[in-house]
Amino acid sequence: MPQQALLVMDVQQVVADRFPAPDYLPRLSKAVDAARAGGVPVIYVVVGFRPGYPEVSSRNKMFRGLVGAATRPSADDRATQVHPEVAPAPGETVVTKRRVSAFAGSDLDMVLRAGGIDHLVLTGIATSGVVLSTLRQAADLDFELTVLSDGCLDSDPEVHRVLTEKVFPMQAEVTTVDEWVAAL
């Protein structure tokens, strides 16, 4: 039977604050609590950079604006902290990535393989960012995939709908938090 892990991606305080959705964090917390109770590892993925941002290229349209910005996610500051409503428990793994995909510039693949994990359950902010990029890369790495559609959030509801209803099902099982929790 596949060994699964719940990935909670980019649910940092500074990110969640930009996506006002009052039901999102309580729903995601339900998935996290159920995973812990069911013995499913919970792995957190945050975006962060070294002081001075040596990883950020001026050619990178998404991240180049961080250099010199007021809120800069360096690896050891508040910007990389997971939102307290879904914060890691002692001993849970937190992976720092340097790009959009959870695999880009991180040791996530090594952590997963060392743990014998071959099935990823994806959640996070944003559906069109970290979830999409991670799903595509994880599929190419031959991981079995599940996406918790209401465990993901995007600033554009139509983009979220198209991804979860039309794009993601080509490479992943798409379900809800309640359905996933009931199946544990």
N, C-alpha and C. Protein backbone atom coordinates (compact mmCIF):
# COMPACT_ATOMS: atom_id res chain seq x y z
N MET A 1 0.85 -1.18 0.00
CA MET A 1 0.00 0.00 0.00
C MET A 1 0.89 1.25 0.00
N PRO A 2 0.55 2.25 -0.81
CA PRO A 2 1.38 3.45 -0.86
C PRO A 2 1.43 4.18 0.48
N GLN A 3 2.59 4.72 0.78
CA GLN A 3 2.76 5.54 1.98
C GLN A 3 2.53 6.99 1.57
N GLN A 4 1.52 7.62 2.16
CA GLN A 4 1.22 8.98 1.77
C GLN A 4 1.70 10.00 2.79
N ALA A 5 1.83 11.24 2.34
CA ALA A 5 2.14 12.38 3.19
C ALA A 5 1.27 13.54 2.76
N LEU A 6 0.84 14.33 3.73
CA LEU A 6 0.08 15.54 3.45
C LEU A 6 1.07 16.69 3.33
N LEU A 7 1.07 17.37 2.19
CA LEU A 7 1.91 18.54 1.99
C LEU A 7 1.08 19.80 2.19
N VAL A 8 1.52 20.65 3.10
CA VAL A 8 0.90 21.94 3.38
C VAL A 8 1.86 22.98 2.83
N MET A 9 1.50 23.60 1.71
CA MET A 9 2.46 24.40 0.95
C MET A 9 2.09 25.88 0.90
N ASP A 10 3.06 26.69 1.24
CA ASP A 10 2.96 28.16 1.16
C ASP A 10 1.83 28.71 2.02
N VAL A 11 1.52 28.05 3.11
CA VAL A 11 0.49 28.56 4.03
C VAL A 11 1.21 29.33 5.13
N GLN A 12 1.98 30.30 4.69
CA GLN A 12 2.70 31.18 5.59
C GLN A 12 1.77 32.33 5.97
N GLN A 13 2.00 32.89 7.14
CA GLN A 13 1.16 33.98 7.63
C GLN A 13 1.04 35.09 6.59
N VAL A 14 2.17 35.51 6.01
CA VAL A 14 2.14 36.63 5.06
C VAL A 14 1.41 36.26 3.77
N VAL A 15 1.41 35.00 3.40
CA VAL A 15 0.69 34.56 2.20
C VAL A 15 -0.81 34.46 2.52
N ALA A 16 -1.15 33.79 3.60
CA ALA A 16 -2.56 33.61 3.97
C ALA A 16 -3.26 34.96 4.16
N ASP A 17 -2.55 35.94 4.67
CA ASP A 17 -3.14 37.26 4.88
C ASP A 17 -3.58 37.92 3.57
N ARG A 18 -2.96 37.53 2.47
CA ARG A 18 -3.32 38.11 1.16
C ARG A 18 -4.50 37.39 0.51
N PHE A 19 -4.97 36.31 1.12
CA PHE A 19 -6.07 35.51 0.56
C PHE A 19 -7.18 35.39 1.60
N PRO A 20 -7.99 36.43 1.74
CA PRO A 20 -9.04 36.37 2.77
C PRO A 20 -10.11 35.33 2.44
N ALA A 21 -10.11 34.27 3.19
CA ALA A 21 -11.10 33.19 3.04
C ALA A 21 -11.31 32.60 4.43
N PRO A 22 -12.32 33.06 5.15
CA PRO A 22 -12.47 32.68 6.56
C PRO A 22 -12.62 31.19 6.83
N ASP A 23 -13.11 30.41 5.87
CA ASP A 23 -13.30 28.98 6.09
C ASP A 23 -12.07 28.15 5.73
N TYR A 24 -11.09 28.76 5.05
CA TYR A 24 -9.97 27.99 4.52
C TYR A 24 -9.09 27.38 5.62
N LEU A 25 -8.57 28.19 6.51
CA LEU A 25 -7.64 27.66 7.52
C LEU A 25 -8.29 26.65 8.45
N PRO A 26 -9.53 26.85 8.92
CA PRO A 26 -10.18 25.80 9.73
C PRO A 26 -10.33 24.48 8.96
N ARG A 27 -10.65 24.57 7.67
CA ARG A 27 -10.80 23.36 6.85
C ARG A 27 -9.45 22.67 6.67
N LEU A 28 -8.41 23.45 6.40
CA LEU A 28 -7.08 22.88 6.26
C LEU A 28 -6.61 22.28 7.58
N SER A 29 -6.92 22.92 8.67
CA SER A 29 -6.58 22.40 10.00
C SER A 29 -7.23 21.04 10.24
N LYS A 30 -8.44 20.86 9.74
CA LYS A 30 -9.13 19.56 9.86
C LYS A 30 -8.33 18.48 9.14
N ALA A 31 -7.81 18.79 7.96
CA ALA A 31 -7.00 17.82 7.22
C ALA A 31 -5.71 17.51 7.96
N VAL A 32 -5.06 18.54 8.50
CA VAL A 32 -3.82 18.35 9.25
C VAL A 32 -4.07 17.48 10.48
N ASP A 33 -5.11 17.79 11.23
CA ASP A 33 -5.43 17.01 12.44
C ASP A 33 -5.73 15.56 12.09
N ALA A 34 -6.48 15.33 11.02
CA ALA A 34 -6.82 13.97 10.61
C ALA A 34 -5.59 13.21 10.17
N ALA A 35 -4.69 13.88 9.44
CA ALA A 35 -3.45 13.22 9.01
C ALA A 35 -2.65 12.78 10.23
N ARG A 36 -2.48 13.68 11.17
CA ARG A 36 -1.72 13.34 12.39
C ARG A 36 -2.37 12.17 13.12
N ALA A 37 -3.68 12.21 13.28
CA ALA A 37 -4.40 11.14 13.98
C ALA A 37 -4.30 9.81 13.24
N GLY A 38 -4.21 9.88 11.90
CA GLY A 38 -4.14 8.67 11.08
C GLY A 38 -2.72 8.20 10.79
N GLY A 39 -1.73 8.86 11.39
CA GLY A 39 -0.34 8.45 11.18
C GLY A 39 0.23 8.86 9.83
N VAL A 40 -0.42 9.80 9.15
CA VAL A 40 0.07 10.29 7.87
C VAL A 40 1.02 11.46 8.16
N PRO A 41 2.26 11.39 7.70
CA PRO A 41 3.18 12.50 7.94
C PRO A 41 2.65 13.80 7.31
N VAL A 42 2.84 14.89 8.05
CA VAL A 42 2.50 16.22 7.54
C VAL A 42 3.83 16.92 7.27
N ILE A 43 4.00 17.36 6.04
CA ILE A 43 5.23 18.04 5.64
C ILE A 43 4.85 19.44 5.19
N TYR A 44 5.52 20.42 5.75
CA TYR A 44 5.26 21.82 5.42
C TYR A 44 6.30 22.30 4.43
N VAL A 45 5.85 23.10 3.48
CA VAL A 45 6.74 23.70 2.49
C VAL A 45 6.55 25.21 2.55
N VAL A 46 7.65 25.92 2.74
CA VAL A 46 7.61 27.39 2.76
C VAL A 46 8.61 27.91 1.74
N VAL A 47 8.37 29.13 1.28
CA VAL A 47 9.32 29.77 0.38
C VAL A 47 10.19 30.70 1.22
N GLY A 48 11.50 30.64 0.99
CA GLY A 48 12.42 31.50 1.74
C GLY A 48 13.75 31.59 1.02
N PHE A 49 14.49 32.63 1.35
CA PHE A 49 15.76 32.89 0.69
C PHE A 49 16.83 33.26 1.71
N ARG A 50 18.08 33.13 1.31
CA ARG A 50 19.20 33.53 2.15
C ARG A 50 19.27 35.05 2.22
N PRO A 51 19.88 35.58 3.27
CA PRO A 51 20.08 37.04 3.32
C PRO A 51 20.81 37.52 2.07
N GLY A 52 20.33 38.61 1.51
CA GLY A 52 20.92 39.14 0.30
C GLY A 52 20.33 38.56 -0.97
N TYR A 53 19.51 37.54 -0.86
CA TYR A 53 18.79 36.92 -1.98
C TYR A 53 19.68 36.46 -3.13
N PRO A 54 20.73 35.70 -2.85
CA PRO A 54 21.58 35.24 -3.95
C PRO A 54 20.87 34.28 -4.90
N GLU A 55 19.73 33.70 -4.47
CA GLU A 55 18.99 32.76 -5.30
C GLU A 55 18.06 33.46 -6.29
N VAL A 56 17.85 34.75 -6.14
CA VAL A 56 16.87 35.47 -6.94
C VAL A 56 17.56 36.17 -8.11
N SER A 57 17.20 35.75 -9.30
CA SER A 57 17.74 36.33 -10.53
C SER A 57 16.88 37.52 -10.96
N SER A 58 17.52 38.51 -11.53
CA SER A 58 16.77 39.64 -12.07
C SER A 58 15.89 39.22 -13.25
N ARG A 59 16.15 38.04 -13.80
CA ARG A 59 15.34 37.52 -14.90
C ARG A 59 14.07 36.82 -14.42
N ASN A 60 13.98 36.56 -13.12
CA ASN A 60 12.83 35.84 -12.58
C ASN A 60 11.71 36.83 -12.26
N LYS A 61 10.73 36.86 -13.13
CA LYS A 61 9.64 37.84 -13.02
C LYS A 61 8.88 37.72 -11.70
N MET A 62 8.68 36.50 -11.22
CA MET A 62 7.89 36.31 -10.01
C MET A 62 8.63 36.76 -8.75
N PHE A 63 9.92 36.47 -8.64
CA PHE A 63 10.63 36.70 -7.39
C PHE A 63 11.52 37.94 -7.39
N ARG A 64 11.86 38.50 -8.51
CA ARG A 64 12.81 39.62 -8.53
C ARG A 64 12.31 40.83 -7.74
N GLY A 65 11.00 40.99 -7.61
CA GLY A 65 10.46 42.10 -6.84
C GLY A 65 10.67 41.97 -5.34
N LEU A 66 11.04 40.79 -4.87
CA LEU A 66 11.29 40.60 -3.44
C LEU A 66 12.55 41.31 -2.97
N VAL A 67 13.52 41.39 -3.85
CA VAL A 67 14.78 42.01 -3.47
C VAL A 67 14.50 43.48 -3.17
N GLY A 68 14.74 43.86 -1.92
CA GLY A 68 14.50 45.24 -1.50
C GLY A 68 13.08 45.50 -1.03
N ALA A 69 12.18 44.52 -1.11
CA ALA A 69 10.79 44.72 -0.67
C ALA A 69 10.70 44.74 0.85
N ALA A 70 9.63 45.32 1.35
CA ALA A 70 9.44 45.42 2.80
C ALA A 70 9.24 44.05 3.44
N THR A 71 8.49 43.16 2.79
CA THR A 71 8.27 41.81 3.32
C THR A 71 9.04 40.84 2.46
N ARG A 72 10.18 40.42 2.98
CA ARG A 72 11.05 39.53 2.22
C ARG A 72 11.15 38.20 2.95
N PRO A 73 10.80 37.11 2.30
CA PRO A 73 10.86 35.82 2.98
C PRO A 73 12.28 35.24 3.02
N SER A 74 13.08 35.70 3.97
CA SER A 74 14.38 35.06 4.15
C SER A 74 14.17 33.87 5.07
N ALA A 75 15.07 32.92 5.00
CA ALA A 75 14.86 31.62 5.63
C ALA A 75 14.65 31.68 7.14
N ASP A 76 15.04 32.77 7.79
CA ASP A 76 14.95 32.78 9.25
C ASP A 76 14.11 33.93 9.78
N ASP A 77 13.15 34.41 9.02
CA ASP A 77 12.32 35.50 9.53
C ASP A 77 10.84 35.13 9.57
N ARG A 78 10.03 36.08 10.06
CA ARG A 78 8.60 35.88 10.22
C ARG A 78 7.89 35.53 8.92
N ALA A 79 8.38 36.02 7.80
CA ALA A 79 7.73 35.77 6.51
C ALA A 79 7.71 34.29 6.14
N THR A 80 8.59 33.50 6.72
CA THR A 80 8.61 32.06 6.40
C THR A 80 7.82 31.23 7.42
N GLN A 81 7.23 31.86 8.40
CA GLN A 81 6.51 31.12 9.44
C GLN A 81 5.15 30.65 8.94
N VAL A 82 4.86 29.38 9.17
CA VAL A 82 3.56 28.80 8.80
C VAL A 82 2.49 29.47 9.66
N HIS A 83 1.33 29.69 9.08
CA HIS A 83 0.22 30.32 9.81
C HIS A 83 -0.04 29.53 11.09
N PRO A 84 -0.23 30.23 12.22
CA PRO A 84 -0.41 29.52 13.50
C PRO A 84 -1.59 28.57 13.56
N GLU A 85 -2.62 28.77 12.74
CA GLU A 85 -3.77 27.86 12.76
C GLU A 85 -3.45 26.47 12.23
N VAL A 86 -2.37 26.35 11.48
CA VAL A 86 -1.98 25.04 10.92
C VAL A 86 -0.49 24.78 11.15
N ALA A 87 0.08 25.40 12.16
CA ALA A 87 1.52 25.34 12.40
C ALA A 87 2.02 23.92 12.63
N PRO A 88 3.28 23.68 12.25
CA PRO A 88 3.87 22.35 12.46
C PRO A 88 3.92 21.98 13.94
N ALA A 89 3.68 20.72 14.21
CA ALA A 89 3.87 20.17 15.55
C ALA A 89 5.35 19.86 15.72
N PRO A 90 5.82 19.76 16.94
CA PRO A 90 7.23 19.41 17.15
C PRO A 90 7.59 18.13 16.39
N GLY A 91 8.69 18.18 15.68
CA GLY A 91 9.18 17.02 14.94
C GLY A 91 8.67 16.93 13.51
N GLU A 92 7.69 17.74 13.12
CA GLU A 92 7.22 17.70 11.74
C GLU A 92 8.20 18.46 10.85
N THR A 93 8.35 17.96 9.65
CA THR A 93 9.32 18.50 8.71
C THR A 93 8.83 19.78 8.06
N VAL A 94 9.72 20.77 7.99
CA VAL A 94 9.48 22.00 7.25
C VAL A 94 10.58 22.10 6.20
N VAL A 95 10.16 22.19 4.95
CA VAL A 95 11.08 22.27 3.82
C VAL A 95 11.03 23.69 3.28
N THR A 96 12.20 24.27 3.02
CA THR A 96 12.25 25.60 2.41
C THR A 96 12.60 25.46 0.94
N LYS A 97 11.74 26.06 0.11
CA LYS A 97 11.94 26.03 -1.34
C LYS A 97 12.38 27.42 -1.80
N ARG A 98 12.92 27.48 -3.01
CA ARG A 98 13.42 28.74 -3.53
C ARG A 98 12.67 29.23 -4.76
N ARG A 99 11.68 28.48 -5.20
CA ARG A 99 10.90 28.84 -6.38
C ARG A 99 9.45 28.43 -6.14
N VAL A 100 8.66 28.33 -7.20
CA VAL A 100 7.23 28.06 -7.06
C VAL A 100 6.97 26.60 -6.66
N SER A 101 7.54 25.65 -7.36
CA SER A 101 7.35 24.23 -7.04
C SER A 101 7.98 23.89 -5.70
N ALA A 102 7.32 23.02 -4.96
CA ALA A 102 7.87 22.58 -3.67
C ALA A 102 9.20 21.84 -3.83
N PHE A 103 9.47 21.36 -5.02
CA PHE A 103 10.71 20.62 -5.27
C PHE A 103 11.87 21.54 -5.67
N ALA A 104 11.58 22.75 -6.15
CA ALA A 104 12.60 23.62 -6.73
C ALA A 104 13.48 24.25 -5.65
N GLY A 105 14.72 23.87 -5.66
CA GLY A 105 15.68 24.43 -4.71
C GLY A 105 15.51 23.92 -3.29
N SER A 106 14.82 22.80 -3.12
CA SER A 106 14.60 22.24 -1.78
C SER A 106 15.09 20.80 -1.72
N ASP A 107 15.04 20.24 -0.53
CA ASP A 107 15.41 18.84 -0.35
C ASP A 107 14.16 17.96 -0.19
N LEU A 108 13.02 18.43 -0.69
CA LEU A 108 11.76 17.69 -0.54
C LEU A 108 11.85 16.27 -1.09
N ASP A 109 12.38 16.12 -2.28
CA ASP A 109 12.46 14.78 -2.88
C ASP A 109 13.26 13.83 -1.99
N MET A 110 14.35 14.31 -1.44
CA MET A 110 15.18 13.48 -0.55
C MET A 110 14.40 13.09 0.72
N VAL A 111 13.68 14.05 1.29
CA VAL A 111 12.88 13.79 2.49
C VAL A 111 11.81 12.73 2.20
N LEU A 112 11.13 12.88 1.07
CA LEU A 112 10.07 11.94 0.72
C LEU A 112 10.62 10.54 0.49
N ARG A 113 11.67 10.44 -0.28
CA ARG A 113 12.24 9.12 -0.59
C ARG A 113 12.83 8.46 0.65
N ALA A 114 13.46 9.25 1.51
CA ALA A 114 14.01 8.69 2.76
C ALA A 114 12.90 8.16 3.65
N GLY A 115 11.72 8.78 3.58
CA GLY A 115 10.57 8.34 4.37
C GLY A 115 9.74 7.27 3.70
N GLY A 116 10.15 6.84 2.52
CA GLY A 116 9.39 5.81 1.81
C GLY A 116 8.03 6.31 1.32
N ILE A 117 7.90 7.61 1.14
CA ILE A 117 6.63 8.20 0.73
C ILE A 117 6.53 8.21 -0.79
N ASP A 118 5.43 7.66 -1.29
CA ASP A 118 5.23 7.62 -2.74
C ASP A 118 3.88 8.17 -3.18
N HIS A 119 3.12 8.72 -2.22
CA HIS A 119 1.80 9.28 -2.50
C HIS A 119 1.70 10.63 -1.79
N LEU A 120 1.53 11.69 -2.56
CA LEU A 120 1.45 13.04 -2.00
C LEU A 120 0.02 13.54 -2.03
N VAL A 121 -0.41 14.12 -0.91
CA VAL A 121 -1.71 14.76 -0.80
C VAL A 121 -1.42 16.25 -0.74
N LEU A 122 -1.84 16.97 -1.79
CA LEU A 122 -1.44 18.36 -1.95
C LEU A 122 -2.50 19.34 -1.46
N THR A 123 -2.02 20.33 -0.70
CA THR A 123 -2.83 21.47 -0.26
C THR A 123 -1.95 22.70 -0.35
N GLY A 124 -2.58 23.88 -0.37
CA GLY A 124 -1.76 25.07 -0.30
C GLY A 124 -2.32 26.28 -1.00
N ILE A 125 -1.55 27.35 -0.89
CA ILE A 125 -1.86 28.64 -1.49
C ILE A 125 -0.70 28.99 -2.41
N ALA A 126 -0.90 29.03 -3.64
CA ALA A 126 -2.11 29.16 -4.42
C ALA A 126 -2.24 27.96 -5.37
N THR A 127 -3.49 27.69 -5.72
CA THR A 127 -3.78 26.58 -6.62
C THR A 127 -3.01 26.73 -7.93
N SER A 128 -2.96 27.96 -8.45
CA SER A 128 -2.30 28.22 -9.73
C SER A 128 -0.79 28.42 -9.59
N GLY A 129 -0.28 28.36 -8.38
CA GLY A 129 1.14 28.53 -8.13
C GLY A 129 1.76 27.24 -7.63
N VAL A 130 1.97 27.15 -6.33
CA VAL A 130 2.67 26.01 -5.75
C VAL A 130 1.97 24.69 -6.01
N VAL A 131 0.64 24.67 -5.96
CA VAL A 131 -0.06 23.39 -6.15
C VAL A 131 0.12 22.89 -7.59
N LEU A 132 -0.12 23.75 -8.55
CA LEU A 132 0.05 23.36 -9.95
C LEU A 132 1.49 22.96 -10.26
N SER A 133 2.45 23.77 -9.85
CA SER A 133 3.86 23.48 -10.15
C SER A 133 4.33 22.20 -9.48
N THR A 134 3.92 22.00 -8.23
CA THR A 134 4.32 20.80 -7.49
C THR A 134 3.66 19.56 -8.08
N LEU A 135 2.38 19.66 -8.43
CA LEU A 135 1.68 18.53 -9.03
C LEU A 135 2.38 18.08 -10.30
N ARG A 136 2.70 19.01 -11.16
CA ARG A 136 3.35 18.66 -12.43
C ARG A 136 4.70 18.01 -12.20
N GLN A 137 5.51 18.57 -11.31
CA GLN A 137 6.82 18.00 -11.08
C GLN A 137 6.71 16.65 -10.36
N ALA A 138 5.81 16.54 -9.40
CA ALA A 138 5.63 15.28 -8.69
C ALA A 138 5.14 14.17 -9.62
N ALA A 139 4.27 14.52 -10.55
CA ALA A 139 3.81 13.53 -11.53
C ALA A 139 4.98 13.05 -12.39
N ASP A 140 5.84 13.97 -12.79
CA ASP A 140 7.01 13.58 -13.58
C ASP A 140 7.99 12.74 -12.77
N LEU A 141 7.94 12.85 -11.44
CA LEU A 141 8.79 12.04 -10.56
C LEU A 141 8.11 10.74 -10.14
N ASP A 142 6.93 10.48 -10.72
CA ASP A 142 6.19 9.23 -10.51
C ASP A 142 5.59 9.08 -9.11
N PHE A 143 5.23 10.18 -8.47
CA PHE A 143 4.50 10.09 -7.22
C PHE A 143 3.03 9.90 -7.54
N GLU A 144 2.34 9.12 -6.72
CA GLU A 144 0.88 9.06 -6.78
C GLU A 144 0.39 10.35 -6.15
N LEU A 145 -0.69 10.94 -6.68
CA LEU A 145 -1.10 12.26 -6.24
C LEU A 145 -2.58 12.35 -5.91
N THR A 146 -2.87 13.08 -4.86
CA THR A 146 -4.22 13.47 -4.51
C THR A 146 -4.19 14.97 -4.24
N VAL A 147 -5.18 15.67 -4.72
CA VAL A 147 -5.33 17.11 -4.44
C VAL A 147 -6.60 17.29 -3.64
N LEU A 148 -6.49 17.98 -2.51
CA LEU A 148 -7.68 18.33 -1.74
C LEU A 148 -8.17 19.67 -2.28
N SER A 149 -9.18 19.64 -3.12
CA SER A 149 -9.60 20.84 -3.85
C SER A 149 -9.94 22.00 -2.92
N ASP A 150 -10.59 21.72 -1.80
CA ASP A 150 -10.92 22.80 -0.88
C ASP A 150 -9.83 23.00 0.18
N GLY A 151 -8.74 22.28 0.02
CA GLY A 151 -7.54 22.50 0.83
C GLY A 151 -6.55 23.36 0.07
N CYS A 152 -6.98 23.85 -1.10
CA CYS A 152 -6.19 24.75 -1.93
C CYS A 152 -6.97 26.05 -2.05
N LEU A 153 -6.25 27.11 -2.33
CA LEU A 153 -6.88 28.43 -2.41
C LEU A 153 -6.20 29.21 -3.51
N ASP A 154 -6.98 29.98 -4.25
CA ASP A 154 -6.42 30.82 -5.31
C ASP A 154 -7.14 32.16 -5.31
N SER A 155 -6.47 33.19 -5.75
CA SER A 155 -7.10 34.52 -5.80
C SER A 155 -8.17 34.59 -6.88
N ASP A 156 -8.12 33.69 -7.84
CA ASP A 156 -9.10 33.68 -8.93
C ASP A 156 -9.93 32.39 -8.84
N PRO A 157 -11.18 32.47 -8.40
CA PRO A 157 -12.00 31.27 -8.25
C PRO A 157 -12.17 30.49 -9.55
N GLU A 158 -12.22 31.17 -10.69
CA GLU A 158 -12.38 30.46 -11.97
C GLU A 158 -11.13 29.67 -12.31
N VAL A 159 -9.96 30.22 -12.07
CA VAL A 159 -8.71 29.49 -12.30
C VAL A 159 -8.67 28.26 -11.40
N HIS A 160 -9.05 28.44 -10.13
CA HIS A 160 -9.09 27.31 -9.18
C HIS A 160 -10.02 26.22 -9.71
N ARG A 161 -11.21 26.61 -10.17
CA ARG A 161 -12.18 25.65 -10.67
C ARG A 161 -11.64 24.90 -11.89
N VAL A 162 -11.08 25.60 -12.84
CA VAL A 162 -10.57 24.96 -14.05
C VAL A 162 -9.44 23.99 -13.69
N LEU A 163 -8.55 24.40 -12.81
CA LEU A 163 -7.44 23.51 -12.44
C LEU A 163 -7.96 22.27 -11.72
N THR A 164 -8.82 22.45 -10.72
CA THR A 164 -9.25 21.30 -9.92
C THR A 164 -10.25 20.41 -10.65
N GLU A 165 -11.01 20.96 -11.58
CA GLU A 165 -12.01 20.15 -12.28
C GLU A 165 -11.54 19.62 -13.63
N LYS A 166 -10.61 20.30 -14.28
CA LYS A 166 -10.24 19.91 -15.64
C LYS A 166 -8.77 19.53 -15.81
N VAL A 167 -7.87 20.22 -15.14
CA VAL A 167 -6.43 19.99 -15.34
C VAL A 167 -5.88 18.94 -14.38
N PHE A 168 -6.08 19.12 -13.10
CA PHE A 168 -5.51 18.21 -12.11
C PHE A 168 -5.98 16.77 -12.26
N PRO A 169 -7.25 16.50 -12.60
CA PRO A 169 -7.69 15.11 -12.70
C PRO A 169 -6.92 14.28 -13.74
N MET A 170 -6.21 14.91 -14.63
CA MET A 170 -5.41 14.17 -15.61
C MET A 170 -4.20 13.51 -14.94
N GLN A 171 -3.78 14.02 -13.78
CA GLN A 171 -2.59 13.47 -13.13
C GLN A 171 -2.80 13.13 -11.66
N ALA A 172 -3.97 13.44 -11.12
CA ALA A 172 -4.19 13.23 -9.68
C ALA A 172 -5.65 12.90 -9.41
N GLU A 173 -5.86 12.26 -8.28
CA GLU A 173 -7.22 12.14 -7.77
C GLU A 173 -7.53 13.48 -7.12
N VAL A 174 -8.70 14.02 -7.39
CA VAL A 174 -9.12 15.28 -6.79
C VAL A 174 -10.31 14.98 -5.90
N THR A 175 -10.20 15.40 -4.64
CA THR A 175 -11.25 15.14 -3.67
C THR A 175 -11.33 16.33 -2.73
N THR A 176 -12.19 16.24 -1.73
CA THR A 176 -12.33 17.31 -0.75
C THR A 176 -11.68 16.89 0.57
N VAL A 177 -11.51 17.85 1.45
CA VAL A 177 -10.96 17.55 2.77
C VAL A 177 -11.86 16.53 3.47
N ASP A 178 -13.17 16.77 3.49
CA ASP A 178 -14.09 15.85 4.18
C ASP A 178 -14.01 14.45 3.61
N GLU A 179 -13.98 14.31 2.30
CA GLU A 179 -13.91 12.98 1.69
C GLU A 179 -12.59 12.29 2.01
N TRP A 180 -11.49 13.04 2.00
CA TRP A 180 -10.18 12.46 2.30
C TRP A 180 -10.12 12.02 3.75
N VAL A 181 -10.61 12.88 4.64
CA VAL A 181 -10.61 12.56 6.08
C VAL A 181 -11.45 11.31 6.34
N ALA A 182 -12.60 11.20 5.71
CA ALA A 182 -13.47 10.04 5.90
C ALA A 182 -12.82 8.75 5.41
N ALA A 183 -11.94 8.84 4.44
CA ALA A 183 -11.28 7.66 3.86
C ALA A 183 -10.05 7.22 4.64
N LEU A 184 -9.56 8.05 5.56
CA LEU A 184 -8.35 7.67 6.33
C LEU A 184 -8.61 6.51 7.26
